[in-house]
Structures are given as C-alpha cells and as structure tokens.
Amino acid sequence: MRTIVAYIGDLVEQVPCIPQFEINSAVDKLFNENKRIQGIVVVNNETPISLISRTHFYQKLGTQYGYHLYMGRPIELIVNSDSLIVDYFQSITEVSKLAMEREEKDRYDYVIVTKENKYIGVVSIQRLLMKLVEVQVEFASFLNPLTRLPGNHTIEEKLKEIIHQEKFSILYFDLDHFKAYNDTYGFKKGDNLLQSTAELLKREFTNKGSFLGHIGGDDFIAVVNHHDIRSICESLLTDFDKIITDFYTSNHLSQYYVIAENRQGVIEKIALVSLSIAIVTNQDQAFESVEELVEYAAVVKRRCKSVSGSCYLVNI
C-alpha cells in the first residue's frame, strides 16, 4: 500500500564538520569562509557529537573577555551538548516534534542526521517545517474530508496489498435507510451520524493489523489480518443500535419509522437507520484478484442488506 512517509534523511544538506579536539579559531575561520551556514558539526572520526551554532558561538566571543578567553582554546567549551541528533530513517513528523520540544534557545538550531551512526548532514528548521506542511497537505488529499479516514485510492492500494495474505477479513459497513434520515433531519445531522459511526469504527479498528477506510457517503470498509470477526461485529451492532437512538426524536423512536420518499420517489414508511456488515474472508476460499474479491463482496452486501435491522453476514 502506498504510504506517505518522508524520511528526515531526504532533506539533508551539507555543512562543514570539525574534529572534537580543534580550537575555536578554526571554527571562526569556517564561519567566515561560509557566510550562509548557521552551524558547524563537531565529529569524532565520522560520528557526530554536537553542534556549534553561529549565534551561540559569536555570543560567547562577544562578551567582554570572550575573544581572548575562548579563541585559542578547545571547541568543547562552546559546543551545544544537547544537540539534536537523529537517524536518517526517522520521519519528518517525529523529528519536527523533537525539534520543537527543545529549549527555546536551541529550537531553531540545525538537526544533525546520521546513517549507521555516521554523520551525513544537517536539516534546517525552515526546510523541515516546509516539508512537514507539504507532507500534511499530501496526506490530507487521501483522506475523506468529513471523517478524516483514508479514501478510495488508499483503500484500493490496501486491497491489493492483502489479497494474497494468509489470513484476511474485509468488512463492508453500510447504513441502511440513510437517505431517508438525511431527507427527514437534514444533511448536517446526517453528517453528524456519519461522524459518530466513523468514531465507533475507529475505536475498534485502530489497533495494529487493522485498516479502516471511508468509501464514501454511508459506506465504510475495514480490513483485519485474521478471521475472528463475529464477536467484533456483534459488539459493533450492539453499540450502533445504542448510539442511533440519539439521532431520532422520541416520536420516531416509538413508531420505529419515518415518513419519507423512497428511492423510487414514493412517500412511505421507512425504517430507522440500521447497520449492515457484509464480510468477506479467505478462510474457505481464495481470491485471485481484487476485482474477483469486490464482485464477491457485492453479492454478500446485497444479501446482507435484504435483512431488516442491524445485522452481519460472513461470506455466502
């Protein structure tokens, strides 16, 4: 499945490094020769130890006796002992959090990046934050705007990923009679019902090995890497039938229907919203392609929706 991951190592740029036993006059020389850099990395062989930032360095030298006190002495007197050093494969989201948790005086220093514990470069906070925004925008484009769940592109990639796994169960969730609810109570309350349903599903399918997506409208999908789904479905149906009562007036709840237009344009009594869960597993049969799986799922969904009230159906 396509995942949006940006490694901090993809953003590195080069700045000079200097041996840990060098003296401060060498640092001054490097800063003067490289006017645009904001820091120099201190290394022991190829392993980074700390950072000397331009601001910190010249603040030290700018004190009354700073120049004479530090210039001919070892750089260890000036280095930042709390420099942020991260691995190439850490995500920019994680590194951004670490960077912003630093003390205010260090917050905008370079982040030092290593690969196999060897220095490979630094990342400026400006570059880091710009990339973070880019990744967040890209990630958001794959989410349903109402529920913030992965949409159809990600769902398709997930199905391709799991089709040949040893064990999987795919659960399709559909709110029966949702159109009648929207027509009766309005789109705002309809959106609230979808969000509440999404939150109910998130509580069940946010653990490791689970995937939850929003196909669109009142259709959701979950994928798990096992076949033990009956107790999950029974729990979800019980919880859904509890929360749905908050979305109707007492009159509608007591009569168990609303008066609304059906899909053929005929005004009639329409049952309250219920939850159908159509489940496809590879426990007793294999699927050669996503297309075959989806066709099979459509049959299970039709049969499940033909049952009145909240229910679930496993295969056919």
Protein backbone atom coordinates (compact mmCIF):
# COMPACT_ATOMS: atom_id res chain seq x y z
CA MET A 1 0.00 0.00 0.00
CA ARG A 2 1.21 3.48 -0.75
CA THR A 3 2.09 5.29 2.43
CA ILE A 4 3.07 8.90 2.71
CA VAL A 5 6.37 8.79 4.57
CA ALA A 6 9.13 11.35 4.34
CA TYR A 7 12.42 10.47 5.94
CA ILE A 8 14.44 13.23 7.53
CA GLY A 9 17.45 11.93 5.62
CA ASP A 10 15.84 13.02 2.35
CA LEU A 11 16.23 16.66 3.42
CA VAL A 12 19.88 16.78 4.44
CA GLU A 13 22.27 19.47 3.30
CA GLN A 14 25.98 19.68 3.88
CA VAL A 15 27.72 22.00 6.32
CA PRO A 16 31.36 21.77 7.44
CA CYS A 17 32.31 19.48 10.29
CA ILE A 18 35.27 19.83 12.60
CA PRO A 19 37.20 17.40 14.85
CA GLN A 20 36.22 17.47 18.50
CA PHE A 21 39.72 18.48 19.68
CA GLU A 22 40.03 21.52 17.35
CA ILE A 23 40.32 25.03 18.75
CA ASN A 24 37.80 27.83 18.39
CA SER A 25 39.90 29.85 15.96
CA ALA A 26 39.26 27.08 13.40
CA VAL A 27 35.53 27.48 13.97
CA ASP A 28 35.79 31.23 13.45
CA LYS A 29 37.66 30.61 10.19
CA LEU A 30 34.98 28.20 8.92
CA PHE A 31 32.16 30.62 9.73
CA ASN A 32 33.98 33.44 7.92
CA GLU A 33 34.56 31.24 4.88
CA ASN A 34 30.94 30.02 4.82
CA LYS A 35 28.76 33.07 5.41
CA ARG A 36 25.46 31.29 4.76
CA ILE A 37 25.77 28.39 7.18
CA GLN A 38 24.24 28.67 10.64
CA GLY A 39 26.16 25.89 12.34
CA ILE A 40 29.15 23.54 12.26
CA VAL A 41 29.03 19.89 13.31
CA VAL A 42 31.61 18.54 15.74
CA VAL A 43 32.66 14.95 15.00
CA ASN A 44 34.78 12.20 16.47
CA ASN A 45 36.05 10.47 13.34
CA GLU A 46 32.74 10.18 11.42
CA THR A 47 30.43 10.18 14.43
CA PRO A 48 28.72 13.50 15.23
CA ILE A 49 28.98 14.69 18.81
CA SER A 50 27.40 18.11 18.86
CA LEU A 51 26.70 21.34 17.01
CA ILE A 52 28.26 24.78 17.24
CA SER A 53 25.66 27.32 16.11
CA ARG A 54 26.81 30.64 14.64
CA THR A 55 24.62 32.61 17.03
CA HIS A 56 25.82 30.80 20.13
CA PHE A 57 29.47 30.93 19.05
CA TYR A 58 29.58 34.68 18.50
CA GLN A 59 27.52 35.39 21.59
CA LYS A 60 30.26 33.69 23.58
CA LEU A 61 33.02 35.57 21.77
CA GLY A 62 31.14 38.86 22.07
CA THR A 63 31.28 39.03 25.84
CA GLN A 64 33.76 41.41 27.49
CA TYR A 65 36.61 38.90 27.64
CA GLY A 66 35.14 36.28 25.31
CA TYR A 67 37.51 36.61 22.39
CA HIS A 68 40.64 36.22 24.50
CA LEU A 69 39.03 33.62 26.74
CA TYR A 70 37.84 31.25 24.00
CA MET A 71 39.62 31.84 20.70
CA GLY A 72 42.76 29.80 21.40
CA ARG A 73 41.03 27.15 23.46
CA PRO A 74 39.23 23.85 22.57
CA ILE A 75 35.80 23.97 20.98
CA GLU A 76 34.35 21.78 23.76
CA LEU A 77 33.99 24.99 25.79
CA ILE A 78 31.41 26.34 23.34
CA VAL A 79 29.62 23.34 21.80
CA ASN A 80 25.97 22.64 22.49
CA SER A 81 25.96 19.41 24.48
CA ASP A 82 22.21 18.93 23.88
CA SER A 83 22.30 18.96 20.07
CA LEU A 84 19.52 17.02 18.38
CA ILE A 85 20.96 14.04 16.51
CA VAL A 86 18.55 11.77 14.59
CA ASP A 87 18.72 8.79 12.27
CA TYR A 88 18.28 9.08 8.50
CA PHE A 89 15.11 6.95 8.56
CA GLN A 90 13.20 8.86 11.24
CA SER A 91 10.08 10.52 9.88
CA ILE A 92 9.96 14.28 9.49
CA THR A 93 6.84 14.31 11.68
CA GLU A 94 8.72 12.69 14.54
CA VAL A 95 11.78 14.91 14.09
CA SER A 96 9.64 18.05 13.92
CA LYS A 97 8.14 17.15 17.29
CA LEU A 98 11.57 16.53 18.80
CA ALA A 99 12.91 19.81 17.40
CA MET A 100 10.04 21.86 18.78
CA GLU A 101 10.41 20.27 22.21
CA ARG A 102 13.93 21.67 22.60
CA GLU A 103 14.66 24.62 24.83
CA GLU A 104 13.76 27.92 23.23
CA LYS A 105 17.40 28.97 22.79
CA ASP A 106 18.14 25.78 20.80
CA ARG A 107 14.84 25.38 18.98
CA TYR A 108 15.99 26.68 15.59
CA ASP A 109 19.43 25.05 15.53
CA TYR A 110 20.23 22.57 12.81
CA VAL A 111 19.16 18.96 13.30
CA ILE A 112 22.12 16.61 12.82
CA VAL A 113 21.40 13.49 10.73
CA THR A 114 23.27 10.19 10.87
CA LYS A 115 23.16 6.96 8.93
CA GLU A 116 24.54 3.90 10.65
CA ASN A 117 25.77 6.33 13.32
CA LYS A 118 27.89 8.26 10.82
CA TYR A 119 27.38 11.95 10.06
CA ILE A 120 25.74 12.61 6.69
CA GLY A 121 24.42 16.18 7.00
CA VAL A 122 22.05 18.58 8.73
CA VAL A 123 18.50 19.81 8.26
CA SER A 124 17.47 23.38 8.93
CA ILE A 125 14.23 24.01 10.81
CA GLN A 126 12.91 26.10 7.91
CA ARG A 127 13.43 23.23 5.46
CA LEU A 128 11.98 20.74 7.94
CA LEU A 129 8.78 22.71 8.56
CA MET A 130 8.24 23.43 4.86
CA LYS A 131 8.46 19.71 4.09
CA LEU A 132 6.19 18.87 7.01
CA VAL A 133 3.47 21.14 5.59
CA GLU A 134 3.91 19.54 2.16
CA VAL A 135 3.52 16.04 3.59
CA GLN A 136 0.46 17.03 5.62
CA VAL A 137 -1.21 18.53 2.55
CA GLU A 138 -0.44 15.40 0.53
CA PHE A 139 -1.70 13.14 3.30
CA ALA A 140 -4.90 15.16 3.65
CA SER A 141 -5.64 14.69 -0.07
CA PHE A 142 -6.02 10.94 0.58
CA LEU A 143 -8.49 11.39 3.46
CA ASN A 144 -12.24 11.73 3.42
CA PRO A 145 -12.83 15.37 4.46
CA LEU A 146 -15.75 14.52 6.75
CA THR A 147 -14.35 11.58 8.74
CA ARG A 148 -10.59 12.03 8.11
CA LEU A 149 -10.41 8.35 7.16
CA PRO A 150 -8.47 7.04 4.14
CA GLY A 151 -10.45 7.29 0.92
CA ASN A 152 -10.80 5.15 -2.19
CA HIS A 153 -7.24 5.49 -3.50
CA THR A 154 -5.76 4.19 -0.25
CA ILE A 155 -8.49 1.55 0.07
CA GLU A 156 -7.68 0.17 -3.37
CA GLU A 157 -3.99 0.00 -2.52
CA LYS A 158 -4.79 -1.79 0.74
CA LEU A 159 -6.89 -4.42 -1.05
CA LYS A 160 -4.05 -5.05 -3.50
CA GLU A 161 -1.71 -5.47 -0.57
CA ILE A 162 -3.74 -8.04 1.35
CA ILE A 163 -5.24 -10.11 -1.49
CA HIS A 164 -2.58 -12.83 -1.20
CA GLN A 165 -2.08 -12.74 2.57
CA GLU A 166 -2.52 -15.96 4.51
CA LYS A 167 -5.45 -14.58 6.52
CA PHE A 168 -7.71 -11.61 6.00
CA SER A 169 -11.26 -10.47 6.63
CA ILE A 170 -12.81 -7.50 4.88
CA LEU A 171 -15.81 -5.85 6.50
CA TYR A 172 -18.08 -3.57 4.48
CA PHE A 173 -20.28 -1.27 6.58
CA ASP A 174 -23.42 0.31 5.15
CA LEU A 175 -26.04 2.46 6.88
CA ASP A 176 -29.45 1.22 5.73
CA HIS A 177 -32.11 3.90 5.09
CA PHE A 178 -29.59 6.72 5.44
CA LYS A 179 -31.17 8.71 2.58
CA ALA A 180 -34.48 8.80 4.44
CA TYR A 181 -32.68 10.06 7.53
CA ASN A 182 -31.00 12.85 5.54
CA ASP A 183 -34.32 13.83 3.94
CA THR A 184 -36.04 13.92 7.34
CA TYR A 185 -33.38 15.55 9.54
CA GLY A 186 -31.17 17.40 7.07
CA PHE A 187 -27.59 16.99 5.85
CA LYS A 188 -26.00 18.50 8.96
CA LYS A 189 -27.44 15.84 11.23
CA GLY A 190 -26.71 13.26 8.56
CA ASP A 191 -23.05 14.28 8.64
CA ASN A 192 -23.08 14.04 12.43
CA LEU A 193 -24.41 10.49 12.17
CA LEU A 194 -21.65 9.56 9.72
CA GLN A 195 -19.01 11.04 12.01
CA SER A 196 -20.39 9.17 15.02
CA THR A 197 -20.37 5.95 13.02
CA ALA A 198 -16.76 6.61 11.98
CA GLU A 199 -15.76 7.19 15.62
CA LEU A 200 -17.44 3.93 16.64
CA LEU A 201 -15.47 2.07 13.96
CA LYS A 202 -12.21 3.84 14.82
CA ARG A 203 -12.43 2.59 18.39
CA GLU A 204 -12.48 -0.97 17.08
CA PHE A 205 -10.10 -0.76 14.13
CA THR A 206 -7.19 1.41 15.22
CA ASN A 207 -5.12 -1.46 16.62
CA LYS A 208 -2.08 -2.93 14.88
CA GLY A 209 -3.01 -5.11 11.91
CA SER A 210 -6.27 -3.26 11.20
CA PHE A 211 -7.21 -0.79 8.49
CA LEU A 212 -10.29 1.43 8.34
CA GLY A 213 -11.39 3.46 5.34
CA HIS A 214 -14.33 5.57 4.18
CA ILE A 215 -15.51 4.51 0.73
CA GLY A 216 -17.86 7.48 0.56
CA GLY A 217 -21.33 8.51 1.73
CA ASP A 218 -22.53 5.96 4.28
CA ASP A 219 -20.14 3.19 3.19
CA PHE A 220 -17.07 2.21 5.23
CA ILE A 221 -14.58 -0.63 4.99
CA ALA A 222 -12.29 -2.36 7.50
CA VAL A 223 -9.55 -4.90 6.84
CA VAL A 224 -8.08 -7.19 9.50
CA ASN A 225 -5.44 -9.93 9.31
CA HIS A 226 -7.49 -12.67 11.00
CA HIS A 227 -10.86 -14.44 10.80
CA ASP A 228 -12.13 -13.83 14.35
CA ILE A 229 -14.68 -11.21 13.42
CA ARG A 230 -18.03 -12.45 14.73
CA SER A 231 -17.63 -11.08 18.26
CA ILE A 232 -16.39 -7.79 16.80
CA CYS A 233 -19.49 -7.50 14.62
CA GLU A 234 -21.88 -8.37 17.44
CA SER A 235 -20.28 -5.72 19.66
CA LEU A 236 -20.41 -3.10 16.90
CA LEU A 237 -24.07 -3.77 16.13
CA THR A 238 -25.00 -3.51 19.81
CA ASP A 239 -23.12 -0.21 20.16
CA PHE A 240 -24.54 1.20 16.93
CA ASP A 241 -28.12 0.44 17.91
CA LYS A 242 -27.46 2.35 21.14
CA ILE A 243 -25.99 5.46 19.55
CA ILE A 244 -28.60 5.67 16.79
CA THR A 245 -31.26 6.46 19.39
CA ASP A 246 -29.59 9.83 19.97
CA PHE A 247 -30.31 10.83 16.38
CA TYR A 248 -34.10 10.49 16.39
CA THR A 249 -36.99 12.23 18.13
CA SER A 250 -38.88 10.22 20.71
CA ASN A 251 -41.84 10.04 18.32
CA HIS A 252 -39.81 8.40 15.56
CA LEU A 253 -38.17 6.04 18.04
CA SER A 254 -41.52 4.89 19.41
CA GLN A 255 -43.02 4.21 15.98
CA TYR A 256 -39.79 2.71 14.51
CA TYR A 257 -40.11 4.57 11.19
CA VAL A 258 -40.14 7.94 9.45
CA ILE A 259 -42.35 9.12 6.61
CA ALA A 260 -40.08 9.88 3.67
CA GLU A 261 -39.60 9.46 -0.04
CA ASN A 262 -38.05 6.16 -1.11
CA ARG A 263 -35.56 5.81 -3.96
CA GLN A 264 -38.40 5.42 -6.45
CA GLY A 265 -39.89 8.76 -5.36
CA VAL A 266 -42.79 7.22 -3.45
CA ILE A 267 -43.70 8.56 0.01
CA GLU A 268 -43.89 5.70 2.51
CA LYS A 269 -42.96 4.50 5.98
CA ILE A 270 -39.20 3.86 6.09
CA ALA A 271 -37.46 2.06 8.91
CA LEU A 272 -34.92 3.78 11.14
CA VAL A 273 -31.25 3.66 10.19
CA SER A 274 -29.57 0.31 10.85
CA LEU A 275 -26.07 -1.02 10.23
CA SER A 276 -25.30 -3.82 7.79
CA ILE A 277 -21.90 -5.52 7.88
CA ALA A 278 -21.03 -7.67 4.87
CA ILE A 279 -17.90 -9.72 5.48
CA VAL A 280 -15.58 -11.47 3.03
CA THR A 281 -12.80 -13.74 4.29
CA ASN A 282 -10.30 -16.07 2.68
CA GLN A 283 -10.86 -18.69 5.36
CA ASP A 284 -12.56 -21.16 3.00
CA GLN A 285 -11.75 -19.75 -0.42
CA ALA A 286 -9.02 -17.85 -2.23
CA PHE A 287 -9.31 -14.77 -4.41
CA GLU A 288 -7.03 -14.29 -7.39
CA SER A 289 -7.60 -10.56 -7.81
CA VAL A 290 -9.12 -7.51 -6.18
CA GLU A 291 -11.77 -7.47 -8.91
CA GLU A 292 -12.88 -11.00 -8.04
CA LEU A 293 -12.99 -10.09 -4.35
CA VAL A 294 -15.05 -6.94 -4.97
CA GLU A 295 -17.56 -8.83 -7.17
CA TYR A 296 -17.98 -11.46 -4.49
CA ALA A 297 -18.35 -8.78 -1.81
CA ALA A 298 -21.14 -7.11 -3.81
CA VAL A 299 -23.19 -10.30 -3.62
CA VAL A 300 -22.63 -10.60 0.14
CA LYS A 301 -23.61 -6.94 0.59
CA ARG A 302 -26.88 -7.36 -1.33
CA ARG A 303 -27.86 -10.36 0.75
CA CYS A 304 -26.92 -8.64 3.99
CA LYS A 305 -28.94 -5.53 3.14
CA SER A 306 -32.01 -7.67 2.40
CA VAL A 307 -32.20 -8.48 6.12
CA SER A 308 -34.17 -5.93 8.16
CA GLY A 309 -32.44 -4.27 11.09
CA SER A 310 -28.76 -4.23 12.01
CA CYS A 311 -27.03 -7.46 11.02
CA TYR A 312 -23.87 -9.04 9.68
CA LEU A 313 -23.24 -11.78 7.11
CA VAL A 314 -19.99 -13.71 6.58
CA ASN A 315 -19.39 -14.85 3.00
CA ILE A 316 -22.27 -16.67 1.24
